[in-house]
Amino acid sequence: MEPRIALNRDIDPLDHSPLVRGMVLAMSYADAEGGIGLTKSGAINRRFVHWAAERFVWPGYTSKDLFIVNKVLNERDMPPLWPVQDVLLHLKLMRRYKGTLRTTKRGRALGAIPRQLFDVVAPVYLYRYVHDDLAQNRGGVIDNWRVFLNVINIEARTGCTIPRLMEVLYRWPPEARYEVAYQDTRFALKACIVRPLCWLGLLWEDREGLGMFDEGAYHKTPLWSAALKLESDAQATIHVV
């Protein structure tokens, strides 16, 4: 059974969760502009993608980050738009209407109370959303979120890296990093576990002084302890079998 995710104290998820912040901003934009425009193929149009890059303040996907490699931005150039759109539609917070995405009555109600929105979105996004089907097939990540969350709960107290998690979770030593199986598992761990925790706002990556292709250490945000109660909260270490 997955650990329950729900805010247990007064904290604004918009300060920490790129996903919830992006969803609220997308619904607000749709209400102000008469909908989010879609292309003939059903993709989000460039106008909104450019607007989102400026307003979402999504780590790694700000307009500054994206325009380094793109002159114009399409939906595929800003991957965070996929879970924002998918979860909004799945929860019926937005709907497709005449070539646009429109906010629903339920979406407006939840968007006005971000704490409630977080409680609805968090378990669906973390536990049910397919974060990267290619990565899951390639790396065979275990779907036991209780194990992942308890391990990260301990390791991220002072900051943890992907290689450290690989060692604790899978007993892969750092010197095995060039093996294909290591790379596949590492890719899946990041895409299906660590990145979703960052996008939901439970973890943040310290990238100070790092280059574009460097990887930093991951730390817990205030949302972590406000939303999760885990068996490892009082433990110094954890043994993974």
Protein backbone atom coordinates (compact mmCIF):
# COMPACT_ATOMS: atom_id res chain seq x y z
CA MET A 1 0.00 0.00 0.00
CA GLU A 2 1.37 3.42 -0.95
CA PRO A 3 1.98 5.99 1.80
CA ARG A 4 -0.78 8.55 2.10
CA ILE A 5 0.03 11.97 0.64
CA ALA A 6 -1.97 14.86 2.08
CA LEU A 7 -0.98 18.18 3.60
CA ASN A 8 -1.18 18.08 7.38
CA ARG A 9 -0.23 21.65 8.15
CA ASP A 10 -0.70 25.13 6.73
CA ILE A 11 1.71 25.47 3.82
CA ASP A 12 1.24 26.90 0.35
CA PRO A 13 2.07 24.26 -2.28
CA LEU A 14 2.41 26.99 -4.92
CA ASP A 15 5.70 27.98 -3.26
CA HIS A 16 7.22 24.53 -3.79
CA SER A 17 5.30 22.46 -6.35
CA PRO A 18 6.02 23.24 -10.02
CA LEU A 19 3.21 20.87 -11.04
CA VAL A 20 0.47 22.39 -8.90
CA ARG A 21 1.67 25.91 -9.71
CA GLY A 22 1.63 25.09 -13.43
CA MET A 23 -1.87 23.65 -13.20
CA VAL A 24 -3.23 26.72 -11.41
CA LEU A 25 -1.56 29.06 -13.89
CA ALA A 26 -2.82 27.04 -16.87
CA MET A 27 -6.42 27.21 -15.61
CA SER A 28 -6.07 30.93 -14.90
CA TYR A 29 -4.71 31.55 -18.41
CA ALA A 30 -7.54 29.55 -19.97
CA ASP A 31 -10.15 31.61 -18.12
CA ALA A 32 -8.51 34.91 -19.04
CA GLU A 33 -7.86 34.06 -22.70
CA GLY A 34 -10.94 32.02 -23.58
CA GLY A 35 -9.01 28.77 -23.48
CA ILE A 36 -5.57 27.39 -24.23
CA GLY A 37 -5.23 27.10 -27.99
CA LEU A 38 -4.52 23.73 -29.58
CA THR A 39 -2.98 23.01 -32.96
CA LYS A 40 -4.73 20.87 -35.57
CA SER A 41 -2.80 17.87 -34.25
CA GLY A 42 -4.06 18.56 -30.72
CA ALA A 43 -0.80 19.93 -29.30
CA ILE A 44 -0.70 23.06 -27.15
CA ASN A 45 0.04 26.08 -29.33
CA ARG A 46 3.24 28.10 -29.27
CA ARG A 47 1.63 31.13 -27.71
CA PHE A 48 0.83 29.25 -24.53
CA VAL A 49 4.14 27.36 -24.51
CA HIS A 50 6.06 30.66 -24.59
CA TRP A 51 3.79 32.08 -21.88
CA ALA A 52 4.25 28.99 -19.70
CA ALA A 53 8.03 29.09 -20.06
CA GLU A 54 7.98 32.66 -18.73
CA ARG A 55 5.43 32.15 -15.93
CA PHE A 56 5.74 28.60 -14.61
CA VAL A 57 9.27 29.12 -13.18
CA TRP A 58 9.81 25.38 -13.64
CA PRO A 59 13.37 24.38 -12.63
CA GLY A 60 15.33 23.40 -15.71
CA TYR A 61 12.57 24.61 -18.04
CA THR A 62 12.48 28.37 -17.66
CA SER A 63 12.48 30.54 -20.77
CA LYS A 64 16.19 31.17 -20.17
CA ASP A 65 16.89 27.42 -20.14
CA LEU A 66 14.72 26.62 -23.14
CA PHE A 67 15.79 29.42 -25.47
CA ILE A 68 19.42 28.33 -25.17
CA VAL A 69 18.61 25.47 -27.57
CA ASN A 70 15.40 26.69 -29.27
CA LYS A 71 14.44 29.78 -31.26
CA VAL A 72 10.73 29.02 -30.89
CA LEU A 73 9.03 26.70 -28.42
CA ASN A 74 6.60 23.94 -29.27
CA GLU A 75 4.87 21.67 -26.77
CA ARG A 76 7.51 18.95 -27.18
CA ASP A 77 10.22 21.43 -26.16
CA MET A 78 8.69 21.81 -22.68
CA PRO A 79 8.07 18.29 -21.31
CA PRO A 80 6.49 19.52 -18.02
CA LEU A 81 3.45 20.57 -20.06
CA TRP A 82 2.62 16.89 -20.61
CA PRO A 83 1.82 16.00 -16.97
CA VAL A 84 0.20 19.40 -16.43
CA GLN A 85 -2.20 18.78 -19.31
CA ASP A 86 -2.66 15.05 -18.67
CA VAL A 87 -3.52 15.41 -14.98
CA LEU A 88 -5.81 18.40 -15.58
CA LEU A 89 -7.77 16.40 -18.14
CA HIS A 90 -7.75 13.16 -16.14
CA LEU A 91 -9.17 14.88 -13.06
CA LYS A 92 -11.68 16.77 -15.22
CA LEU A 93 -10.28 20.14 -14.16
CA MET A 94 -10.06 21.11 -17.83
CA ARG A 95 -11.76 19.80 -20.98
CA ARG A 96 -11.26 20.02 -24.71
CA TYR A 97 -13.70 22.33 -26.47
CA LYS A 98 -13.57 23.60 -30.07
CA GLY A 99 -9.82 23.49 -30.47
CA THR A 100 -9.03 24.74 -26.98
CA LEU A 101 -8.58 23.56 -23.41
CA ARG A 102 -11.15 25.13 -21.09
CA THR A 103 -11.29 25.18 -17.30
CA THR A 104 -14.23 23.32 -15.77
CA LYS A 105 -16.31 24.36 -12.78
CA ARG A 106 -14.49 21.75 -10.69
CA GLY A 107 -11.16 23.11 -11.90
CA ARG A 108 -12.00 26.66 -10.83
CA ALA A 109 -13.13 25.47 -7.42
CA LEU A 110 -9.97 23.47 -6.73
CA GLY A 111 -7.67 26.03 -8.36
CA ALA A 112 -8.87 28.60 -5.84
CA ILE A 113 -7.72 26.37 -2.95
CA PRO A 114 -4.21 25.13 -3.83
CA ARG A 115 -3.92 22.98 -0.69
CA GLN A 116 -6.97 20.97 -1.69
CA LEU A 117 -5.71 20.81 -5.26
CA PHE A 118 -2.40 19.37 -4.05
CA ASP A 119 -4.18 16.69 -2.00
CA VAL A 120 -6.19 15.62 -5.06
CA VAL A 121 -3.30 15.78 -7.54
CA ALA A 122 -0.42 14.31 -5.50
CA PRO A 123 -1.46 10.64 -5.19
CA VAL A 124 -2.76 10.48 -8.75
CA TYR A 125 0.38 12.00 -10.26
CA LEU A 126 2.90 10.16 -8.11
CA TYR A 127 1.33 6.71 -7.93
CA ARG A 128 -0.88 6.36 -11.02
CA TYR A 129 0.64 8.52 -13.75
CA VAL A 130 2.94 6.81 -16.27
CA HIS A 131 5.95 9.09 -15.91
CA ASP A 132 7.99 7.54 -18.71
CA ASP A 133 6.88 4.23 -20.24
CA LEU A 134 10.16 3.86 -22.14
CA ALA A 135 12.16 4.31 -18.93
CA GLN A 136 9.99 1.86 -17.00
CA ASN A 137 10.38 -0.81 -19.68
CA ARG A 138 14.09 -0.13 -20.03
CA GLY A 139 15.01 -0.02 -16.35
CA GLY A 140 12.44 -2.24 -14.64
CA VAL A 141 11.97 0.11 -11.69
CA ILE A 142 10.25 -1.54 -8.74
CA ASP A 143 6.80 -0.08 -8.22
CA ASN A 144 7.05 -0.15 -4.41
CA TRP A 145 6.74 3.52 -3.56
CA ARG A 146 6.86 2.78 0.16
CA VAL A 147 10.44 1.55 -0.20
CA PHE A 148 11.53 4.46 -2.39
CA LEU A 149 10.00 7.11 -0.15
CA ASN A 150 11.42 5.65 3.05
CA VAL A 151 14.92 5.34 1.57
CA ILE A 152 14.86 8.87 0.15
CA ASN A 153 13.40 10.15 3.42
CA ILE A 154 16.63 9.14 5.15
CA GLU A 155 19.15 9.77 2.38
CA ALA A 156 17.87 13.25 1.46
CA ARG A 157 18.18 14.63 4.99
CA THR A 158 21.57 16.05 4.06
CA GLY A 159 21.22 15.72 0.29
CA CYS A 160 21.51 12.58 -1.83
CA THR A 161 22.67 11.88 -5.36
CA ILE A 162 21.41 9.39 -7.94
CA PRO A 163 24.58 7.24 -7.58
CA ARG A 164 24.01 7.09 -3.81
CA LEU A 165 20.40 5.95 -4.31
CA MET A 166 21.59 3.37 -6.83
CA GLU A 167 23.97 2.00 -4.21
CA VAL A 168 21.39 1.89 -1.40
CA LEU A 169 18.42 0.64 -3.43
CA TYR A 170 20.12 -1.74 -5.87
CA ARG A 171 23.60 -2.31 -4.38
CA TRP A 172 25.19 -0.92 -7.54
CA PRO A 173 28.67 0.44 -6.70
CA PRO A 174 29.69 3.72 -8.39
CA GLU A 175 32.38 1.94 -10.43
CA ALA A 176 29.64 0.00 -12.26
CA ARG A 177 28.25 3.21 -13.76
CA TYR A 178 29.37 2.36 -17.31
CA GLU A 179 27.51 -0.97 -17.43
CA VAL A 180 24.37 -1.03 -19.58
CA ALA A 181 22.19 -2.49 -16.81
CA TYR A 182 23.36 0.24 -14.43
CA GLN A 183 22.57 2.97 -16.95
CA ASP A 184 19.11 1.53 -17.67
CA THR A 185 18.22 1.33 -13.99
CA ARG A 186 19.65 4.77 -13.29
CA PHE A 187 17.66 6.26 -16.17
CA ALA A 188 14.44 4.69 -14.89
CA LEU A 189 15.11 5.70 -11.28
CA LYS A 190 15.54 9.32 -12.25
CA ALA A 191 12.67 9.49 -14.76
CA CYS A 192 10.09 7.54 -12.77
CA ILE A 193 10.96 8.28 -9.14
CA VAL A 194 13.26 11.25 -8.52
CA ARG A 195 12.02 13.61 -11.23
CA PRO A 196 8.32 13.13 -10.33
CA LEU A 197 9.15 13.89 -6.69
CA CYS A 198 10.85 17.10 -7.83
CA TRP A 199 8.02 18.09 -10.17
CA LEU A 200 5.43 17.45 -7.47
CA GLY A 201 7.52 19.64 -5.16
CA LEU A 202 8.65 17.13 -2.52
CA LEU A 203 12.32 17.29 -3.57
CA TRP A 204 14.51 20.00 -5.05
CA GLU A 205 17.88 19.69 -6.79
CA ASP A 206 20.80 21.84 -5.68
CA ARG A 207 22.47 22.87 -8.94
CA GLU A 208 24.59 25.74 -7.69
CA GLY A 209 27.84 25.94 -9.62
CA LEU A 210 26.91 23.06 -11.94
CA GLY A 211 26.92 22.93 -15.73
CA MET A 212 23.97 22.06 -17.96
CA PHE A 213 24.76 18.33 -18.00
CA ASP A 214 25.91 17.99 -14.38
CA GLU A 215 23.69 16.47 -11.72
CA GLY A 216 23.29 17.87 -8.24
CA ALA A 217 22.20 16.61 -4.84
CA TYR A 218 18.52 16.25 -3.99
CA HIS A 219 17.00 17.67 -0.82
CA LYS A 220 13.55 17.54 0.75
CA THR A 221 11.35 20.63 0.50
CA PRO A 222 9.00 21.73 3.32
CA LEU A 223 6.20 19.95 1.42
CA TRP A 224 7.83 16.58 2.14
CA SER A 225 7.26 16.60 5.90
CA ALA A 226 3.98 18.48 5.50
CA ALA A 227 2.52 15.82 3.20
CA LEU A 228 4.16 12.53 4.22
CA LYS A 229 4.31 10.51 7.43
CA LEU A 230 6.70 7.59 6.96
CA GLU A 231 7.98 4.68 9.04
CA SER A 232 11.53 5.97 8.62
CA ASP A 233 10.84 9.42 10.10
CA ALA A 234 12.53 8.42 13.37
CA GLN A 235 15.12 6.07 11.86
CA ALA A 236 18.78 6.83 11.25
CA THR A 237 19.23 4.15 8.57
CA ILE A 238 17.12 1.72 6.58
CA HIS A 239 17.85 -1.79 5.36
CA VAL A 240 16.63 -2.63 1.86
CA VAL A 241 16.20 -6.35 1.22
